Amino acid sequence: NKQGILAQGAYDDYTFTALANTPILFRFNHSEPMRLSLQVLNNMGDVIAEARNDGNGDIPVELVFTSQDDNEYTLRIAPWLGVSEYELIVRKQ
């Protein structure tokens, strides 16, 4: 698990290794209302998976990602509204 503080216009990146056909759950819990996206980027920087909370910004955001092969990826947490402390939970499914 990771913790931090984020504000709109900033982002946090975390590199992770995914195993083929093994789903990974990313859950973003935040203490204040915040609108954001969780994005998985490949090694070229392309967004290949995304989850957003476009609603009122007070619910956790979850993304389940399954890679087709063993590879390294980047998880980007990118808020576009709000400031909040957060906890990122990562679990194999």
N, C-alpha and C. Protein backbone atom coordinates (compact mmCIF):
# COMPACT_ATOMS: atom_id res chain seq x y z
N ASN A 1 0.84 -1.19 0.00
CA ASN A 1 0.00 0.00 0.00
C ASN A 1 0.88 1.25 0.00
N LYS A 2 0.38 2.29 -0.63
CA LYS A 2 1.08 3.56 -0.72
C LYS A 2 0.17 4.65 -0.17
N GLN A 3 0.78 5.70 0.38
CA GLN A 3 0.02 6.84 0.87
C GLN A 3 0.66 8.12 0.35
N GLY A 4 -0.16 9.17 0.26
CA GLY A 4 0.36 10.43 -0.22
C GLY A 4 -0.69 11.52 -0.16
N ILE A 5 -0.35 12.66 -0.73
CA ILE A 5 -1.27 13.79 -0.85
C ILE A 5 -1.21 14.25 -2.30
N LEU A 6 -2.38 14.48 -2.89
CA LEU A 6 -2.45 14.92 -4.28
C LEU A 6 -3.39 16.10 -4.42
N ALA A 7 -3.10 16.95 -5.40
CA ALA A 7 -3.95 18.09 -5.74
C ALA A 7 -4.13 18.11 -7.25
N GLN A 8 -5.21 18.76 -7.69
CA GLN A 8 -5.46 18.86 -9.12
C GLN A 8 -4.26 19.46 -9.83
N GLY A 9 -3.97 18.94 -11.01
CA GLY A 9 -2.83 19.41 -11.79
C GLY A 9 -1.55 18.64 -11.53
N ALA A 10 -1.52 17.85 -10.47
CA ALA A 10 -0.35 17.02 -10.15
C ALA A 10 -0.71 15.56 -10.41
N TYR A 11 0.26 14.68 -10.34
CA TYR A 11 -0.02 13.25 -10.44
C TYR A 11 1.09 12.47 -9.76
N ASP A 12 0.75 11.24 -9.36
CA ASP A 12 1.74 10.31 -8.81
C ASP A 12 1.81 9.11 -9.74
N ASP A 13 3.02 8.63 -10.00
CA ASP A 13 3.25 7.44 -10.81
C ASP A 13 3.88 6.35 -9.96
N TYR A 14 3.42 5.13 -10.17
CA TYR A 14 3.99 3.96 -9.50
C TYR A 14 4.26 2.90 -10.56
N THR A 15 5.48 2.39 -10.60
CA THR A 15 5.83 1.32 -11.53
C THR A 15 5.54 -0.02 -10.88
N PHE A 16 4.98 -0.95 -11.67
CA PHE A 16 4.69 -2.28 -11.14
C PHE A 16 4.93 -3.33 -12.22
N THR A 17 5.16 -4.54 -11.79
CA THR A 17 5.33 -5.67 -12.70
C THR A 17 4.06 -6.51 -12.64
N ALA A 18 3.50 -6.77 -13.80
CA ALA A 18 2.30 -7.61 -13.89
C ALA A 18 2.68 -8.95 -14.49
N LEU A 19 2.04 -10.00 -13.97
CA LEU A 19 2.21 -11.34 -14.51
C LEU A 19 1.06 -11.64 -15.46
N ALA A 20 1.35 -12.37 -16.51
CA ALA A 20 0.34 -12.67 -17.52
C ALA A 20 -0.90 -13.29 -16.91
N ASN A 21 -2.05 -12.81 -17.33
CA ASN A 21 -3.36 -13.37 -16.96
C ASN A 21 -3.62 -13.37 -15.46
N THR A 22 -3.01 -12.46 -14.73
CA THR A 22 -3.21 -12.34 -13.28
C THR A 22 -3.82 -10.97 -12.99
N PRO A 23 -5.12 -10.92 -12.69
CA PRO A 23 -5.76 -9.63 -12.42
C PRO A 23 -5.18 -8.95 -11.17
N ILE A 24 -5.01 -7.64 -11.26
CA ILE A 24 -4.54 -6.83 -10.14
C ILE A 24 -5.60 -5.76 -9.87
N LEU A 25 -5.98 -5.63 -8.59
CA LEU A 25 -6.93 -4.60 -8.18
C LEU A 25 -6.17 -3.42 -7.62
N PHE A 26 -6.45 -2.23 -8.14
CA PHE A 26 -5.95 -0.98 -7.60
C PHE A 26 -7.15 -0.25 -7.01
N ARG A 27 -7.09 0.09 -5.73
CA ARG A 27 -8.18 0.81 -5.08
C ARG A 27 -7.61 2.09 -4.47
N PHE A 28 -8.21 3.22 -4.84
CA PHE A 28 -7.76 4.53 -4.39
C PHE A 28 -8.78 5.06 -3.41
N ASN A 29 -8.40 5.14 -2.13
CA ASN A 29 -9.25 5.72 -1.09
C ASN A 29 -8.75 7.13 -0.80
N HIS A 30 -9.68 8.07 -0.66
CA HIS A 30 -9.28 9.45 -0.39
C HIS A 30 -10.09 10.02 0.75
N SER A 31 -9.49 10.98 1.47
CA SER A 31 -10.11 11.52 2.67
C SER A 31 -11.02 12.70 2.40
N GLU A 32 -10.85 13.38 1.27
CA GLU A 32 -11.66 14.54 0.89
C GLU A 32 -12.23 14.29 -0.51
N PRO A 33 -13.36 14.91 -0.85
CA PRO A 33 -13.90 14.74 -2.21
C PRO A 33 -12.85 15.11 -3.26
N MET A 34 -12.73 14.25 -4.26
CA MET A 34 -11.71 14.42 -5.30
C MET A 34 -12.17 13.71 -6.55
N ARG A 35 -12.04 14.34 -7.68
CA ARG A 35 -12.30 13.69 -8.96
C ARG A 35 -10.96 13.35 -9.59
N LEU A 36 -10.84 12.11 -10.06
CA LEU A 36 -9.54 11.66 -10.54
C LEU A 36 -9.69 10.50 -11.49
N SER A 37 -8.57 10.11 -12.09
CA SER A 37 -8.51 8.89 -12.87
C SER A 37 -7.31 8.07 -12.44
N LEU A 38 -7.49 6.76 -12.46
CA LEU A 38 -6.40 5.80 -12.31
C LEU A 38 -6.11 5.31 -13.72
N GLN A 39 -4.86 5.39 -14.14
CA GLN A 39 -4.49 5.00 -15.49
C GLN A 39 -3.34 4.01 -15.45
N VAL A 40 -3.40 2.98 -16.29
CA VAL A 40 -2.27 2.08 -16.50
C VAL A 40 -1.64 2.48 -17.83
N LEU A 41 -0.33 2.75 -17.77
CA LEU A 41 0.42 3.14 -18.97
C LEU A 41 1.39 2.03 -19.34
N ASN A 42 1.53 1.77 -20.65
CA ASN A 42 2.52 0.80 -21.09
C ASN A 42 3.89 1.48 -21.14
N ASN A 43 4.91 0.74 -21.60
CA ASN A 43 6.27 1.29 -21.60
C ASN A 43 6.48 2.39 -22.64
N MET A 44 5.49 2.63 -23.50
CA MET A 44 5.54 3.73 -24.46
C MET A 44 4.82 4.97 -23.93
N GLY A 45 4.21 4.85 -22.73
CA GLY A 45 3.49 5.97 -22.14
C GLY A 45 2.04 6.08 -22.57
N ASP A 46 1.54 5.07 -23.30
CA ASP A 46 0.15 5.07 -23.74
C ASP A 46 -0.76 4.56 -22.63
N VAL A 47 -1.92 5.20 -22.45
CA VAL A 47 -2.91 4.74 -21.48
C VAL A 47 -3.61 3.52 -22.07
N ILE A 48 -3.51 2.38 -21.38
CA ILE A 48 -4.12 1.14 -21.88
C ILE A 48 -5.28 0.67 -21.01
N ALA A 49 -5.47 1.29 -19.85
CA ALA A 49 -6.62 1.00 -18.99
C ALA A 49 -6.86 2.23 -18.12
N GLU A 50 -8.14 2.49 -17.81
CA GLU A 50 -8.45 3.68 -17.01
C GLU A 50 -9.76 3.48 -16.26
N ALA A 51 -9.79 4.03 -15.05
CA ALA A 51 -11.02 4.13 -14.25
C ALA A 51 -11.11 5.55 -13.73
N ARG A 52 -12.32 6.11 -13.75
CA ARG A 52 -12.52 7.50 -13.33
C ARG A 52 -13.69 7.59 -12.37
N ASN A 53 -13.68 8.61 -11.53
CA ASN A 53 -14.87 8.92 -10.75
C ASN A 53 -15.37 10.28 -11.18
N ASP A 54 -16.26 10.29 -12.13
CA ASP A 54 -16.80 11.53 -12.68
C ASP A 54 -17.95 12.08 -11.86
N GLY A 55 -18.40 11.32 -10.86
CA GLY A 55 -19.55 11.74 -10.07
C GLY A 55 -19.21 12.81 -9.06
N ASN A 56 -19.68 12.61 -7.82
CA ASN A 56 -19.49 13.63 -6.80
C ASN A 56 -18.10 13.59 -6.16
N GLY A 57 -17.28 12.63 -6.50
CA GLY A 57 -15.89 12.62 -6.05
C GLY A 57 -15.65 12.13 -4.64
N ASP A 58 -16.68 11.52 -4.02
CA ASP A 58 -16.47 11.07 -2.64
C ASP A 58 -16.46 9.56 -2.49
N ILE A 59 -16.38 8.82 -3.59
CA ILE A 59 -16.32 7.37 -3.51
C ILE A 59 -14.93 6.89 -3.95
N PRO A 60 -14.49 5.74 -3.45
CA PRO A 60 -13.20 5.19 -3.89
C PRO A 60 -13.23 4.87 -5.39
N VAL A 61 -12.07 4.88 -5.99
CA VAL A 61 -11.94 4.52 -7.40
C VAL A 61 -11.22 3.19 -7.46
N GLU A 62 -11.77 2.26 -8.26
CA GLU A 62 -11.15 0.95 -8.41
C GLU A 62 -10.89 0.66 -9.88
N LEU A 63 -9.77 -0.01 -10.11
CA LEU A 63 -9.39 -0.44 -11.45
C LEU A 63 -8.83 -1.85 -11.33
N VAL A 64 -9.38 -2.78 -12.11
CA VAL A 64 -8.83 -4.13 -12.19
C VAL A 64 -8.12 -4.23 -13.54
N PHE A 65 -6.84 -4.58 -13.49
CA PHE A 65 -6.02 -4.66 -14.71
C PHE A 65 -5.47 -6.07 -14.84
N THR A 66 -5.59 -6.63 -16.05
CA THR A 66 -5.03 -7.94 -16.36
C THR A 66 -4.13 -7.81 -17.58
N SER A 67 -2.85 -8.09 -17.41
CA SER A 67 -1.89 -8.02 -18.50
C SER A 67 -1.94 -9.31 -19.32
N GLN A 68 -1.70 -9.19 -20.60
CA GLN A 68 -1.65 -10.37 -21.47
C GLN A 68 -0.31 -11.08 -21.40
N ASP A 69 0.72 -10.40 -20.86
CA ASP A 69 2.04 -11.01 -20.74
C ASP A 69 2.75 -10.44 -19.51
N ASP A 70 3.85 -11.06 -19.11
CA ASP A 70 4.66 -10.53 -18.02
C ASP A 70 5.31 -9.24 -18.51
N ASN A 71 5.08 -8.14 -17.77
CA ASN A 71 5.63 -6.88 -18.24
C ASN A 71 5.58 -5.85 -17.13
N GLU A 72 6.32 -4.75 -17.31
CA GLU A 72 6.28 -3.62 -16.38
C GLU A 72 5.35 -2.55 -16.92
N TYR A 73 4.62 -1.92 -16.00
CA TYR A 73 3.66 -0.88 -16.35
C TYR A 73 3.79 0.24 -15.33
N THR A 74 3.12 1.35 -15.60
CA THR A 74 3.04 2.46 -14.67
C THR A 74 1.58 2.71 -14.32
N LEU A 75 1.30 2.83 -13.04
CA LEU A 75 -0.02 3.27 -12.59
C LEU A 75 0.08 4.76 -12.31
N ARG A 76 -0.77 5.55 -12.96
CA ARG A 76 -0.79 6.99 -12.75
C ARG A 76 -2.08 7.38 -12.03
N ILE A 77 -1.93 8.15 -10.97
CA ILE A 77 -3.07 8.72 -10.25
C ILE A 77 -3.12 10.19 -10.64
N ALA A 78 -4.18 10.58 -11.34
CA ALA A 78 -4.24 11.93 -11.92
C ALA A 78 -5.54 12.62 -11.53
N PRO A 79 -5.51 13.47 -10.49
CA PRO A 79 -6.72 14.20 -10.11
C PRO A 79 -6.94 15.42 -11.00
N TRP A 80 -8.20 15.75 -11.25
CA TRP A 80 -8.49 16.98 -11.97
C TRP A 80 -9.36 17.94 -11.16
N LEU A 81 -9.75 17.52 -9.95
CA LEU A 81 -10.49 18.42 -9.07
C LEU A 81 -10.31 17.97 -7.63
N GLY A 82 -9.87 18.88 -6.77
CA GLY A 82 -9.76 18.58 -5.35
C GLY A 82 -8.33 18.39 -4.87
N VAL A 83 -8.21 18.34 -3.55
CA VAL A 83 -6.95 18.07 -2.85
C VAL A 83 -7.27 17.07 -1.76
N SER A 84 -6.46 16.03 -1.61
CA SER A 84 -6.78 15.02 -0.62
C SER A 84 -5.56 14.17 -0.26
N GLU A 85 -5.55 13.70 0.98
CA GLU A 85 -4.65 12.61 1.36
C GLU A 85 -5.25 11.35 0.76
N TYR A 86 -4.39 10.38 0.47
CA TYR A 86 -4.92 9.15 -0.11
C TYR A 86 -4.15 7.93 0.36
N GLU A 87 -4.80 6.78 0.13
CA GLU A 87 -4.18 5.48 0.32
C GLU A 87 -4.45 4.68 -0.94
N LEU A 88 -3.42 4.11 -1.53
CA LEU A 88 -3.55 3.24 -2.68
C LEU A 88 -3.35 1.81 -2.22
N ILE A 89 -4.34 0.98 -2.46
CA ILE A 89 -4.29 -0.43 -2.09
C ILE A 89 -4.12 -1.25 -3.37
N VAL A 90 -3.18 -2.18 -3.36
CA VAL A 90 -2.91 -3.03 -4.52
C VAL A 90 -3.02 -4.48 -4.07
N ARG A 91 -3.84 -5.25 -4.79
CA ARG A 91 -4.05 -6.66 -4.45
C ARG A 91 -4.15 -7.49 -5.72
N LYS A 92 -3.58 -8.69 -5.69
CA LYS A 92 -3.84 -9.66 -6.76
C LYS A 92 -5.26 -10.20 -6.54
N GLN A 93 -5.95 -10.41 -7.63
CA GLN A 93 -7.33 -10.92 -7.54
C GLN A 93 -7.35 -12.42 -7.65
